[in-house]
Amino acid sequence: MTVLSKFPEYQEFRARKRGKPVEQSVAVVADEVSPSESIGQIVEDSYDELAAELLDRILAQPPTFLETLSLKLLRAMGYGGKESLLDHTGKPGDSGLDGIVRQDALALELVGVPAKRFDKGNTVQRPDIQAFVGALQGAQTTRGVFVTTGKFSLGALQFAENVPMRLRLIDGKELTRLMVRYNVGVQVRETFELKQIDEETFED
């Protein structure tokens, strides 16, 4: 970390993320945390920046992009079973569901997925979730994942918790974090190894 702290780019990066003067930021890195903690924080900070960039890129795409992207993410997370039974249904007159996840080959367990591209400051309200519940009932399922690039209002969150259905609401911030975690729309650029002493080598 002492070596890293000598690079101006690294000093500026740490200062920008923590909102502290460069000298103070470097001192914190060098004196208060271990190398593994420092590297972990650097990776976490870079992932936050990557997630923010992902959201901007998604918002620059047409609405159908988010619909297919949401299904790709669910597939990467293991939904749809081994056969990856995910159908993109987003189109005019789709009854509010942009995708259907079939958890088994006989389609006995369905998960409905609406994906709504909202601006960052826009909020999904309770009526949107009520319509979502109605769409799930129309699809004869009680499970659903609502994905949006915006946010959810408190009323929407409370309604989702109180209905007798298994609902999962994913806002723009969580969406992009999940994309980073499950490698959807991103790729590994570099890999580093952090090594430690092998104690067995020095045992009698």
N, C-alpha and C. Protein backbone atom coordinates (compact mmCIF):
# COMPACT_ATOMS: atom_id res chain seq x y z
N MET A 1 0.82 -1.20 0.00
CA MET A 1 0.00 0.00 0.00
C MET A 1 0.86 1.26 0.00
N THR A 2 2.05 1.15 0.59
CA THR A 2 2.95 2.30 0.57
C THR A 2 3.35 2.63 -0.86
N VAL A 3 3.58 1.60 -1.66
CA VAL A 3 3.94 1.80 -3.07
C VAL A 3 2.77 2.43 -3.82
N LEU A 4 1.56 1.89 -3.62
CA LEU A 4 0.39 2.43 -4.30
C LEU A 4 0.16 3.90 -3.96
N SER A 5 0.41 4.23 -2.71
CA SER A 5 0.14 5.59 -2.25
C SER A 5 1.03 6.63 -2.92
N LYS A 6 2.10 6.20 -3.58
CA LYS A 6 2.99 7.13 -4.25
C LYS A 6 2.46 7.58 -5.61
N PHE A 7 1.46 6.85 -6.13
CA PHE A 7 0.95 7.18 -7.44
C PHE A 7 -0.11 8.27 -7.33
N PRO A 8 0.03 9.38 -8.06
CA PRO A 8 -0.96 10.48 -8.01
C PRO A 8 -2.36 10.02 -8.37
N GLU A 9 -2.47 9.10 -9.36
CA GLU A 9 -3.80 8.64 -9.77
C GLU A 9 -4.50 7.93 -8.63
N TYR A 10 -3.73 7.13 -7.88
CA TYR A 10 -4.33 6.41 -6.76
C TYR A 10 -4.71 7.38 -5.65
N GLN A 11 -3.87 8.37 -5.40
CA GLN A 11 -4.17 9.36 -4.36
C GLN A 11 -5.45 10.11 -4.71
N GLU A 12 -5.59 10.51 -5.97
CA GLU A 12 -6.79 11.24 -6.39
C GLU A 12 -8.02 10.35 -6.28
N PHE A 13 -7.87 9.08 -6.63
CA PHE A 13 -9.00 8.14 -6.57
C PHE A 13 -9.50 7.99 -5.14
N ARG A 14 -8.57 7.79 -4.21
CA ARG A 14 -8.97 7.62 -2.81
C ARG A 14 -9.57 8.90 -2.24
N ALA A 15 -8.99 10.02 -2.61
CA ALA A 15 -9.50 11.29 -2.09
C ALA A 15 -10.90 11.58 -2.63
N ARG A 16 -11.12 11.26 -3.89
CA ARG A 16 -12.42 11.51 -4.51
C ARG A 16 -13.50 10.65 -3.89
N LYS A 17 -13.20 9.38 -3.62
CA LYS A 17 -14.20 8.48 -3.08
C LYS A 17 -14.52 8.78 -1.63
N ARG A 18 -13.57 9.24 -0.87
CA ARG A 18 -13.80 9.46 0.56
C ARG A 18 -14.06 10.91 0.90
N GLY A 19 -13.86 11.81 -0.07
CA GLY A 19 -14.12 13.21 0.18
C GLY A 19 -13.15 13.83 1.17
N LYS A 20 -11.91 13.33 1.19
CA LYS A 20 -10.90 13.84 2.12
C LYS A 20 -9.71 14.38 1.34
N PRO A 21 -8.90 15.23 1.95
CA PRO A 21 -7.68 15.68 1.29
C PRO A 21 -6.81 14.49 0.93
N VAL A 22 -6.01 14.66 -0.12
CA VAL A 22 -5.17 13.56 -0.59
C VAL A 22 -4.28 13.03 0.52
N GLU A 23 -3.61 13.92 1.25
CA GLU A 23 -2.68 13.48 2.29
C GLU A 23 -3.39 12.67 3.36
N GLN A 24 -4.58 13.12 3.76
CA GLN A 24 -5.32 12.41 4.79
C GLN A 24 -5.77 11.05 4.30
N SER A 25 -6.25 11.00 3.04
CA SER A 25 -6.71 9.75 2.48
C SER A 25 -5.59 8.72 2.42
N VAL A 26 -4.41 9.15 1.99
CA VAL A 26 -3.27 8.25 1.91
C VAL A 26 -2.88 7.74 3.29
N ALA A 27 -2.91 8.62 4.28
CA ALA A 27 -2.55 8.23 5.63
C ALA A 27 -3.50 7.17 6.17
N VAL A 28 -4.79 7.32 5.87
CA VAL A 28 -5.77 6.34 6.33
C VAL A 28 -5.49 4.99 5.71
N VAL A 29 -5.19 4.99 4.41
CA VAL A 29 -4.92 3.74 3.73
C VAL A 29 -3.68 3.07 4.30
N ALA A 30 -2.63 3.85 4.54
CA ALA A 30 -1.35 3.29 4.94
C ALA A 30 -1.35 2.81 6.39
N ASP A 31 -2.09 3.50 7.27
CA ASP A 31 -1.94 3.25 8.70
C ASP A 31 -3.10 2.52 9.36
N GLU A 32 -4.31 2.61 8.81
CA GLU A 32 -5.46 2.13 9.55
C GLU A 32 -6.05 0.83 9.03
N VAL A 33 -5.72 0.40 7.85
CA VAL A 33 -6.31 -0.81 7.29
C VAL A 33 -5.23 -1.74 6.77
N SER A 34 -5.58 -3.03 6.72
CA SER A 34 -4.65 -4.04 6.20
C SER A 34 -4.66 -4.02 4.68
N PRO A 35 -3.65 -4.63 4.04
CA PRO A 35 -3.63 -4.69 2.57
C PRO A 35 -4.89 -5.32 1.99
N SER A 36 -5.37 -6.41 2.60
CA SER A 36 -6.57 -7.06 2.06
C SER A 36 -7.79 -6.16 2.19
N GLU A 37 -7.89 -5.42 3.30
CA GLU A 37 -9.01 -4.50 3.48
C GLU A 37 -8.93 -3.36 2.47
N SER A 38 -7.72 -2.87 2.22
CA SER A 38 -7.54 -1.78 1.27
C SER A 38 -7.92 -2.22 -0.14
N ILE A 39 -7.46 -3.40 -0.53
CA ILE A 39 -7.79 -3.92 -1.85
C ILE A 39 -9.28 -4.15 -1.96
N GLY A 40 -9.88 -4.68 -0.90
CA GLY A 40 -11.32 -4.91 -0.91
C GLY A 40 -12.09 -3.61 -1.09
N GLN A 41 -11.63 -2.55 -0.45
CA GLN A 41 -12.30 -1.26 -0.57
C GLN A 41 -12.13 -0.69 -1.97
N ILE A 42 -10.93 -0.86 -2.55
CA ILE A 42 -10.70 -0.39 -3.91
C ILE A 42 -11.64 -1.09 -4.88
N VAL A 43 -11.77 -2.42 -4.73
CA VAL A 43 -12.65 -3.19 -5.61
C VAL A 43 -14.10 -2.74 -5.42
N GLU A 44 -14.51 -2.56 -4.18
CA GLU A 44 -15.88 -2.13 -3.91
C GLU A 44 -16.16 -0.76 -4.52
N ASP A 45 -15.20 0.16 -4.38
CA ASP A 45 -15.37 1.49 -4.96
C ASP A 45 -15.48 1.43 -6.49
N SER A 46 -14.65 0.59 -7.09
CA SER A 46 -14.68 0.47 -8.55
C SER A 46 -16.00 -0.14 -9.01
N TYR A 47 -16.54 -1.07 -8.23
CA TYR A 47 -17.83 -1.68 -8.57
C TYR A 47 -18.95 -0.66 -8.47
N ASP A 48 -18.88 0.23 -7.48
CA ASP A 48 -19.89 1.28 -7.35
C ASP A 48 -19.89 2.19 -8.58
N GLU A 49 -18.69 2.56 -9.02
CA GLU A 49 -18.59 3.41 -10.21
C GLU A 49 -19.07 2.67 -11.45
N LEU A 50 -18.75 1.39 -11.53
CA LEU A 50 -19.18 0.59 -12.66
C LEU A 50 -20.70 0.47 -12.69
N ALA A 51 -21.31 0.26 -11.52
CA ALA A 51 -22.77 0.15 -11.43
C ALA A 51 -23.44 1.44 -11.89
N ALA A 52 -22.89 2.58 -11.48
CA ALA A 52 -23.45 3.87 -11.90
C ALA A 52 -23.36 4.05 -13.41
N GLU A 53 -22.25 3.61 -13.99
CA GLU A 53 -22.09 3.71 -15.44
C GLU A 53 -23.05 2.77 -16.16
N LEU A 54 -23.26 1.59 -15.58
CA LEU A 54 -24.20 0.64 -16.18
C LEU A 54 -25.61 1.24 -16.26
N LEU A 55 -26.02 1.91 -15.20
CA LEU A 55 -27.36 2.50 -15.19
C LEU A 55 -27.50 3.54 -16.29
N ASP A 56 -26.48 4.35 -16.47
CA ASP A 56 -26.52 5.35 -17.54
C ASP A 56 -26.61 4.68 -18.92
N ARG A 57 -25.88 3.60 -19.08
CA ARG A 57 -25.89 2.90 -20.36
C ARG A 57 -27.26 2.26 -20.63
N ILE A 58 -27.88 1.73 -19.59
CA ILE A 58 -29.21 1.11 -19.74
C ILE A 58 -30.24 2.16 -20.13
N LEU A 59 -30.16 3.32 -19.47
CA LEU A 59 -31.12 4.39 -19.76
C LEU A 59 -30.98 4.94 -21.17
N ALA A 60 -29.83 4.74 -21.77
CA ALA A 60 -29.60 5.21 -23.14
C ALA A 60 -30.15 4.25 -24.19
N GLN A 61 -30.60 3.07 -23.74
CA GLN A 61 -31.12 2.06 -24.64
C GLN A 61 -32.65 2.13 -24.71
N PRO A 62 -33.26 1.52 -25.72
CA PRO A 62 -34.73 1.50 -25.79
C PRO A 62 -35.31 0.65 -24.66
N PRO A 63 -36.59 0.83 -24.35
CA PRO A 63 -37.21 0.09 -23.23
C PRO A 63 -37.10 -1.42 -23.34
N THR A 64 -37.15 -1.95 -24.55
CA THR A 64 -37.08 -3.40 -24.71
C THR A 64 -35.73 -3.96 -24.26
N PHE A 65 -34.70 -3.13 -24.28
CA PHE A 65 -33.39 -3.59 -23.83
C PHE A 65 -33.44 -4.01 -22.37
N LEU A 66 -34.12 -3.21 -21.53
CA LEU A 66 -34.22 -3.54 -20.12
C LEU A 66 -35.01 -4.83 -19.91
N GLU A 67 -36.01 -5.04 -20.74
CA GLU A 67 -36.82 -6.25 -20.62
C GLU A 67 -35.97 -7.50 -20.83
N THR A 68 -35.22 -7.53 -21.91
CA THR A 68 -34.38 -8.70 -22.18
C THR A 68 -33.22 -8.79 -21.21
N LEU A 69 -32.70 -7.63 -20.79
CA LEU A 69 -31.60 -7.62 -19.82
C LEU A 69 -32.04 -8.22 -18.50
N SER A 70 -33.25 -7.90 -18.06
CA SER A 70 -33.75 -8.43 -16.79
C SER A 70 -33.83 -9.95 -16.84
N LEU A 71 -34.25 -10.50 -17.98
CA LEU A 71 -34.33 -11.95 -18.11
C LEU A 71 -32.94 -12.57 -18.13
N LYS A 72 -31.97 -11.91 -18.78
CA LYS A 72 -30.60 -12.41 -18.78
C LYS A 72 -30.04 -12.45 -17.36
N LEU A 73 -30.35 -11.41 -16.58
CA LEU A 73 -29.88 -11.37 -15.20
C LEU A 73 -30.50 -12.49 -14.38
N LEU A 74 -31.79 -12.71 -14.52
CA LEU A 74 -32.45 -13.78 -13.78
C LEU A 74 -31.89 -15.14 -14.17
N ARG A 75 -31.57 -15.32 -15.45
CA ARG A 75 -30.97 -16.58 -15.88
C ARG A 75 -29.60 -16.76 -15.24
N ALA A 76 -28.81 -15.68 -15.20
CA ALA A 76 -27.49 -15.75 -14.58
C ALA A 76 -27.59 -16.04 -13.08
N MET A 77 -28.68 -15.64 -12.46
CA MET A 77 -28.88 -15.87 -11.04
C MET A 77 -29.44 -17.26 -10.75
N GLY A 78 -29.72 -18.01 -11.80
CA GLY A 78 -30.16 -19.39 -11.61
C GLY A 78 -31.65 -19.62 -11.78
N TYR A 79 -32.41 -18.61 -12.17
CA TYR A 79 -33.84 -18.78 -12.38
C TYR A 79 -34.10 -19.39 -13.75
N GLY A 80 -35.19 -20.13 -13.82
CA GLY A 80 -35.53 -20.78 -15.08
C GLY A 80 -35.08 -22.22 -15.13
N GLY A 81 -34.40 -22.69 -14.07
CA GLY A 81 -33.97 -24.08 -14.03
C GLY A 81 -32.85 -24.37 -14.99
N LYS A 82 -32.52 -25.63 -15.11
CA LYS A 82 -31.41 -26.05 -15.97
C LYS A 82 -31.70 -25.78 -17.45
N GLU A 83 -32.97 -25.76 -17.82
CA GLU A 83 -33.32 -25.58 -19.21
C GLU A 83 -33.46 -24.10 -19.59
N SER A 84 -33.29 -23.20 -18.60
CA SER A 84 -33.37 -21.75 -18.85
C SER A 84 -34.65 -21.38 -19.59
N LEU A 85 -35.79 -21.69 -18.99
CA LEU A 85 -37.08 -21.44 -19.61
C LEU A 85 -37.56 -20.03 -19.27
N LEU A 86 -37.07 -19.07 -20.03
CA LEU A 86 -37.45 -17.68 -19.85
C LEU A 86 -37.98 -17.13 -21.16
N ASP A 87 -39.16 -16.57 -21.12
CA ASP A 87 -39.80 -16.06 -22.33
C ASP A 87 -39.95 -14.54 -22.25
N HIS A 88 -39.51 -13.87 -23.30
CA HIS A 88 -39.71 -12.42 -23.38
C HIS A 88 -41.07 -12.17 -23.99
N THR A 89 -41.97 -11.58 -23.21
CA THR A 89 -43.34 -11.38 -23.67
C THR A 89 -43.68 -9.90 -23.85
N GLY A 90 -42.71 -9.03 -23.65
CA GLY A 90 -42.97 -7.60 -23.73
C GLY A 90 -43.39 -7.15 -25.11
N LYS A 91 -44.59 -6.61 -25.22
CA LYS A 91 -45.13 -6.10 -26.47
C LYS A 91 -46.44 -5.39 -26.15
N PRO A 92 -46.99 -4.63 -27.08
CA PRO A 92 -48.29 -4.00 -26.82
C PRO A 92 -49.34 -5.05 -26.46
N GLY A 93 -50.08 -4.80 -25.38
CA GLY A 93 -51.09 -5.75 -24.95
C GLY A 93 -50.53 -6.93 -24.19
N ASP A 94 -49.36 -6.74 -23.56
CA ASP A 94 -48.74 -7.85 -22.83
C ASP A 94 -49.30 -8.03 -21.43
N SER A 95 -50.34 -7.29 -21.08
CA SER A 95 -51.00 -7.41 -19.77
C SER A 95 -50.09 -7.02 -18.62
N GLY A 96 -49.05 -6.25 -18.90
CA GLY A 96 -48.20 -5.75 -17.83
C GLY A 96 -47.00 -6.59 -17.50
N LEU A 97 -46.84 -7.75 -18.11
CA LEU A 97 -45.68 -8.61 -17.86
C LEU A 97 -44.79 -8.64 -19.10
N ASP A 98 -43.52 -8.33 -18.90
CA ASP A 98 -42.57 -8.29 -20.01
C ASP A 98 -41.80 -9.59 -20.16
N GLY A 99 -41.93 -10.47 -19.19
CA GLY A 99 -41.25 -11.74 -19.25
C GLY A 99 -41.89 -12.75 -18.32
N ILE A 100 -41.74 -14.02 -18.67
CA ILE A 100 -42.23 -15.13 -17.85
C ILE A 100 -41.08 -16.10 -17.63
N VAL A 101 -40.83 -16.41 -16.38
CA VAL A 101 -39.81 -17.40 -16.02
C VAL A 101 -40.51 -18.69 -15.65
N ARG A 102 -40.20 -19.75 -16.35
CA ARG A 102 -40.80 -21.06 -16.08
C ARG A 102 -39.79 -21.88 -15.28
N GLN A 103 -40.09 -22.06 -14.01
CA GLN A 103 -39.16 -22.72 -13.11
C GLN A 103 -39.06 -24.22 -13.32
N ASP A 104 -39.97 -24.79 -14.09
CA ASP A 104 -39.93 -26.22 -14.38
C ASP A 104 -40.44 -26.44 -15.79
N ALA A 105 -40.13 -27.60 -16.35
CA ALA A 105 -40.46 -27.88 -17.74
C ALA A 105 -41.96 -27.92 -17.99
N LEU A 106 -42.76 -28.23 -16.98
CA LEU A 106 -44.21 -28.30 -17.13
C LEU A 106 -44.89 -26.96 -16.87
N ALA A 107 -44.10 -25.94 -16.57
CA ALA A 107 -44.63 -24.59 -16.32
C ALA A 107 -45.62 -24.57 -15.17
N LEU A 108 -45.35 -25.37 -14.14
CA LEU A 108 -46.21 -25.37 -12.96
C LEU A 108 -45.85 -24.24 -12.01
N GLU A 109 -44.61 -23.76 -12.09
CA GLU A 109 -44.16 -22.64 -11.26
C GLU A 109 -43.70 -21.51 -12.17
N LEU A 110 -44.49 -20.46 -12.19
CA LEU A 110 -44.19 -19.32 -13.06
C LEU A 110 -43.82 -18.10 -12.23
N VAL A 111 -42.92 -17.27 -12.78
CA VAL A 111 -42.55 -16.00 -12.17
C VAL A 111 -42.76 -14.92 -13.22
N GLY A 112 -43.62 -13.96 -12.91
CA GLY A 112 -43.88 -12.87 -13.83
C GLY A 112 -42.90 -11.73 -13.64
N VAL A 113 -42.45 -11.12 -14.74
CA VAL A 113 -41.42 -10.08 -14.68
C VAL A 113 -41.82 -8.87 -15.50
N PRO A 114 -42.19 -7.76 -14.85
CA PRO A 114 -42.29 -6.49 -15.56
C PRO A 114 -40.98 -5.72 -15.42
N ALA A 115 -40.54 -5.07 -16.48
CA ALA A 115 -39.30 -4.29 -16.45
C ALA A 115 -39.61 -2.89 -16.98
N LYS A 116 -39.54 -1.89 -16.11
CA LYS A 116 -39.93 -0.54 -16.48
C LYS A 116 -38.73 0.40 -16.45
N ARG A 117 -38.43 0.98 -17.59
CA ARG A 117 -37.31 1.93 -17.68
C ARG A 117 -37.80 3.32 -17.28
N PHE A 118 -37.44 3.71 -16.06
CA PHE A 118 -37.76 5.04 -15.54
C PHE A 118 -36.47 5.83 -15.39
N ASP A 119 -36.57 7.16 -15.46
CA ASP A 119 -35.43 7.99 -15.15
C ASP A 119 -35.02 7.79 -13.69
N LYS A 120 -33.78 8.12 -13.38
CA LYS A 120 -33.25 7.86 -12.04
C LYS A 120 -34.11 8.48 -10.94
N GLY A 121 -34.64 9.67 -11.19
CA GLY A 121 -35.40 10.35 -10.15
C GLY A 121 -36.86 9.93 -10.09
N ASN A 122 -37.33 9.14 -11.06
CA ASN A 122 -38.73 8.75 -11.09
C ASN A 122 -39.00 7.58 -10.14
N THR A 123 -40.23 7.52 -9.64
CA THR A 123 -40.57 6.55 -8.62
C THR A 123 -41.75 5.69 -9.05
N VAL A 124 -41.61 4.39 -8.82
CA VAL A 124 -42.72 3.46 -9.03
C VAL A 124 -43.67 3.58 -7.84
N GLN A 125 -44.93 3.86 -8.12
CA GLN A 125 -45.90 4.10 -7.06
C GLN A 125 -46.74 2.86 -6.77
N ARG A 126 -47.52 2.96 -5.70
CA ARG A 126 -48.36 1.83 -5.29
C ARG A 126 -49.30 1.34 -6.40
N PRO A 127 -49.97 2.22 -7.18
CA PRO A 127 -50.84 1.72 -8.25
C PRO A 127 -50.10 0.84 -9.26
N ASP A 128 -48.81 1.12 -9.49
CA ASP A 128 -48.03 0.29 -10.41
C ASP A 128 -47.88 -1.12 -9.87
N ILE A 129 -47.69 -1.24 -8.56
CA ILE A 129 -47.55 -2.56 -7.95
C ILE A 129 -48.90 -3.27 -7.90
N GLN A 130 -49.96 -2.51 -7.70
CA GLN A 130 -51.30 -3.11 -7.73
C GLN A 130 -51.59 -3.68 -9.11
N ALA A 131 -51.22 -2.94 -10.16
CA ALA A 131 -51.39 -3.45 -11.52
C ALA A 131 -50.52 -4.68 -11.75
N PHE A 132 -49.34 -4.68 -11.15
CA PHE A 132 -48.43 -5.83 -11.23
C PHE A 132 -49.08 -7.07 -10.63
N VAL A 133 -49.70 -6.91 -9.48
CA VAL A 133 -50.38 -8.02 -8.83
C VAL A 133 -51.52 -8.54 -9.70
N GLY A 134 -52.27 -7.62 -10.31
CA GLY A 134 -53.34 -8.03 -11.21
C GLY A 134 -52.81 -8.81 -12.40
N ALA A 135 -51.66 -8.39 -12.93
CA ALA A 135 -51.06 -9.09 -14.07
C ALA A 135 -50.62 -10.50 -13.67
N LEU A 136 -50.11 -10.65 -12.46
CA LEU A 136 -49.71 -11.97 -11.98
C LEU A 136 -50.91 -12.88 -11.83
N GLN A 137 -51.99 -12.34 -11.33
CA GLN A 137 -53.21 -13.13 -11.20
C GLN A 137 -53.71 -13.57 -12.57
N GLY A 138 -53.60 -12.68 -13.55
CA GLY A 138 -54.00 -13.03 -14.90
C GLY A 138 -53.14 -14.13 -15.50
N ALA A 139 -51.88 -14.19 -15.08
CA ALA A 139 -50.96 -15.22 -15.56
C ALA A 139 -51.02 -16.47 -14.70
N GLN A 140 -51.89 -16.48 -13.71
CA GLN A 140 -52.10 -17.62 -12.81
C GLN A 140 -50.82 -17.99 -12.06
N THR A 141 -50.20 -16.96 -11.50
CA THR A 141 -49.03 -17.17 -10.66
C THR A 141 -49.06 -16.21 -9.48
N THR A 142 -48.36 -16.57 -8.43
CA THR A 142 -48.31 -15.71 -7.24
C THR A 142 -46.88 -15.26 -6.96
N ARG A 143 -46.02 -15.33 -7.96
CA ARG A 143 -44.63 -14.92 -7.79
C ARG A 143 -44.25 -13.92 -8.87
N GLY A 144 -43.49 -12.92 -8.47
CA GLY A 144 -43.09 -11.93 -9.46
C GLY A 144 -41.88 -11.13 -9.05
N VAL A 145 -41.17 -10.64 -10.04
CA VAL A 145 -40.00 -9.78 -9.84
C VAL A 145 -40.21 -8.51 -10.66
N PHE A 146 -40.33 -7.39 -9.98
CA PHE A 146 -40.54 -6.10 -10.64
C PHE A 146 -39.20 -5.39 -10.73
N VAL A 147 -38.75 -5.12 -11.95
CA VAL A 147 -37.45 -4.48 -12.18
C VAL A 147 -37.67 -3.09 -12.75
N THR A 148 -36.97 -2.12 -12.20
CA THR A 148 -37.04 -0.76 -12.72
C THR A 148 -35.68 -0.07 -12.59
N THR A 149 -35.44 0.88 -13.46
CA THR A 149 -34.22 1.69 -13.35
C THR A 149 -34.44 2.87 -12.40
N GLY A 150 -35.68 3.07 -11.97
CA GLY A 150 -35.98 4.15 -11.04
C GLY A 150 -35.95 3.67 -9.60
N LYS A 151 -36.89 4.17 -8.79
CA LYS A 151 -36.98 3.80 -7.39
C LYS A 151 -38.40 3.38 -7.07
N PHE A 152 -38.61 2.86 -5.85
CA PHE A 152 -39.94 2.48 -5.39
C PHE A 152 -40.35 3.39 -4.24
N SER A 153 -41.58 3.83 -4.28
CA SER A 153 -42.09 4.66 -3.18
C SER A 153 -42.31 3.79 -1.96
N LEU A 154 -42.43 4.43 -0.81
CA LEU A 154 -42.69 3.70 0.43
C LEU A 154 -44.02 2.96 0.35
N GLY A 155 -45.01 3.60 -0.26
CA GLY A 155 -46.31 2.95 -0.41
C GLY A 155 -46.23 1.70 -1.27
N ALA A 156 -45.41 1.75 -2.32
CA ALA A 156 -45.24 0.59 -3.19
C ALA A 156 -44.57 -0.56 -2.44
N LEU A 157 -43.55 -0.23 -1.66
CA LEU A 157 -42.83 -1.25 -0.90
C LEU A 157 -43.73 -1.89 0.15
N GLN A 158 -44.51 -1.07 0.83
CA GLN A 158 -45.40 -1.59 1.88
C GLN A 158 -46.49 -2.47 1.28
N PHE A 159 -47.03 -2.06 0.15
CA PHE A 159 -48.07 -2.86 -0.51
C PHE A 159 -47.51 -4.22 -0.92
N ALA A 160 -46.30 -4.23 -1.47
CA ALA A 160 -45.68 -5.49 -1.92
C ALA A 160 -45.45 -6.44 -0.74
N GLU A 161 -45.17 -5.89 0.43
CA GLU A 161 -44.93 -6.72 1.59
C GLU A 161 -46.21 -7.31 2.16
N ASN A 162 -47.32 -6.63 1.95
CA ASN A 162 -48.57 -7.03 2.60
C ASN A 162 -49.47 -7.93 1.76
N VAL A 163 -49.22 -8.02 0.47
CA VAL A 163 -50.08 -8.87 -0.36
C VAL A 163 -49.68 -10.33 -0.19
N PRO A 164 -50.63 -11.26 -0.34
CA PRO A 164 -50.32 -12.69 -0.18
C PRO A 164 -49.64 -13.28 -1.40
N MET A 165 -48.61 -12.63 -1.86
CA MET A 165 -47.84 -13.09 -3.00
C MET A 165 -46.35 -12.95 -2.68
N ARG A 166 -45.54 -13.68 -3.38
CA ARG A 166 -44.09 -13.56 -3.20
C ARG A 166 -43.56 -12.60 -4.27
N LEU A 167 -43.37 -11.36 -3.85
CA LEU A 167 -42.92 -10.32 -4.78
C LEU A 167 -41.52 -9.85 -4.41
N ARG A 168 -40.75 -9.53 -5.44
CA ARG A 168 -39.40 -8.99 -5.24
C ARG A 168 -39.29 -7.73 -6.09
N LEU A 169 -38.97 -6.62 -5.44
CA LEU A 169 -38.84 -5.35 -6.14
C LEU A 169 -37.36 -4.99 -6.26
N ILE A 170 -36.89 -4.77 -7.48
CA ILE A 170 -35.48 -4.45 -7.73
C ILE A 170 -35.40 -3.08 -8.39
N ASP A 171 -34.81 -2.12 -7.67
CA ASP A 171 -34.67 -0.77 -8.22
C ASP A 171 -33.38 -0.65 -9.02
N GLY A 172 -33.14 0.53 -9.58
CA GLY A 172 -31.99 0.72 -10.46
C GLY A 172 -30.66 0.45 -9.77
N LYS A 173 -30.54 0.86 -8.52
CA LYS A 173 -29.29 0.66 -7.79
C LYS A 173 -29.01 -0.81 -7.57
N GLU A 174 -30.01 -1.55 -7.14
CA GLU A 174 -29.80 -2.98 -6.91
C GLU A 174 -29.62 -3.73 -8.22
N LEU A 175 -30.34 -3.30 -9.25
CA LEU A 175 -30.22 -3.95 -10.56
C LEU A 175 -28.78 -3.96 -11.05
N THR A 176 -28.14 -2.80 -11.03
CA THR A 176 -26.78 -2.73 -11.55
C THR A 176 -25.78 -3.43 -10.64
N ARG A 177 -26.02 -3.42 -9.34
CA ARG A 177 -25.14 -4.16 -8.44
C ARG A 177 -25.24 -5.67 -8.70
N LEU A 178 -26.44 -6.14 -8.96
CA LEU A 178 -26.61 -7.55 -9.29
C LEU A 178 -25.95 -7.89 -10.62
N MET A 179 -26.00 -6.95 -11.57
CA MET A 179 -25.34 -7.18 -12.85
C MET A 179 -23.84 -7.35 -12.66
N VAL A 180 -23.25 -6.51 -11.82
CA VAL A 180 -21.81 -6.62 -11.54
C VAL A 180 -21.51 -7.94 -10.85
N ARG A 181 -22.33 -8.30 -9.89
CA ARG A 181 -22.09 -9.52 -9.11
C ARG A 181 -22.18 -10.77 -9.97
N TYR A 182 -23.14 -10.81 -10.89
CA TYR A 182 -23.37 -12.01 -11.69
C TYR A 182 -22.81 -11.89 -13.11
N ASN A 183 -21.98 -10.88 -13.33
CA ASN A 183 -21.27 -10.72 -14.61
C ASN A 183 -22.22 -10.63 -15.81
N VAL A 184 -23.22 -9.77 -15.69
CA VAL A 184 -24.14 -9.51 -16.79
C VAL A 184 -23.86 -8.09 -17.30
N GLY A 185 -23.42 -8.00 -18.53
CA GLY A 185 -23.08 -6.70 -19.09
C GLY A 185 -21.71 -6.19 -18.68
N VAL A 186 -20.95 -7.01 -17.97
CA VAL A 186 -19.60 -6.65 -17.55
C VAL A 186 -18.68 -7.85 -17.77
N GLN A 187 -17.39 -7.60 -17.73
CA GLN A 187 -16.41 -8.68 -17.84
C GLN A 187 -15.21 -8.37 -16.97
N VAL A 188 -14.50 -9.42 -16.58
CA VAL A 188 -13.34 -9.26 -15.73
C VAL A 188 -12.20 -8.64 -16.53
N ARG A 189 -11.64 -7.55 -16.02
CA ARG A 189 -10.55 -6.87 -16.72
C ARG A 189 -9.20 -7.35 -16.22
N GLU A 190 -9.04 -7.45 -14.90
CA GLU A 190 -7.77 -7.87 -14.32
C GLU A 190 -8.04 -8.74 -13.09
N THR A 191 -7.09 -9.63 -12.80
CA THR A 191 -7.17 -10.47 -11.62
C THR A 191 -5.86 -10.36 -10.85
N PHE A 192 -5.96 -10.15 -9.54
CA PHE A 192 -4.78 -10.05 -8.69
C PHE A 192 -4.82 -11.14 -7.62
N GLU A 193 -3.65 -11.57 -7.19
CA GLU A 193 -3.53 -12.56 -6.12
C GLU A 193 -2.90 -11.91 -4.90
N LEU A 194 -3.53 -12.08 -3.75
CA LEU A 194 -2.98 -11.59 -2.49
C LEU A 194 -2.51 -12.81 -1.71
N LYS A 195 -1.22 -12.89 -1.47
CA LYS A 195 -0.64 -14.09 -0.85
C LYS A 195 -0.29 -13.86 0.61
N GLN A 196 -0.15 -14.96 1.34
CA GLN A 196 0.23 -14.92 2.74
C GLN A 196 1.18 -16.08 3.04
N ILE A 197 1.75 -16.06 4.21
CA ILE A 197 2.68 -17.10 4.62
C ILE A 197 1.97 -18.45 4.73
N ASP A 198 2.61 -19.48 4.22
CA ASP A 198 2.12 -20.84 4.39
C ASP A 198 2.74 -21.39 5.68
N GLU A 199 1.96 -21.41 6.74
CA GLU A 199 2.48 -21.79 8.05
C GLU A 199 2.99 -23.23 8.08
N GLU A 200 2.42 -24.11 7.28
CA GLU A 200 2.84 -25.52 7.29
C GLU A 200 4.29 -25.66 6.87
N THR A 201 4.77 -24.76 6.02
CA THR A 201 6.16 -24.82 5.55
C THR A 201 7.13 -24.65 6.71
N PHE A 202 6.74 -23.90 7.72
CA PHE A 202 7.66 -23.58 8.82
C PHE A 202 7.38 -24.39 10.09
N GLU A 203 6.48 -25.36 9.99
CA GLU A 203 6.24 -26.22 11.13
C GLU A 203 7.21 -27.39 11.12
N ASP A 204 7.57 -27.85 12.33
CA ASP A 204 8.50 -28.98 12.44
C ASP A 204 7.83 -30.26 11.97
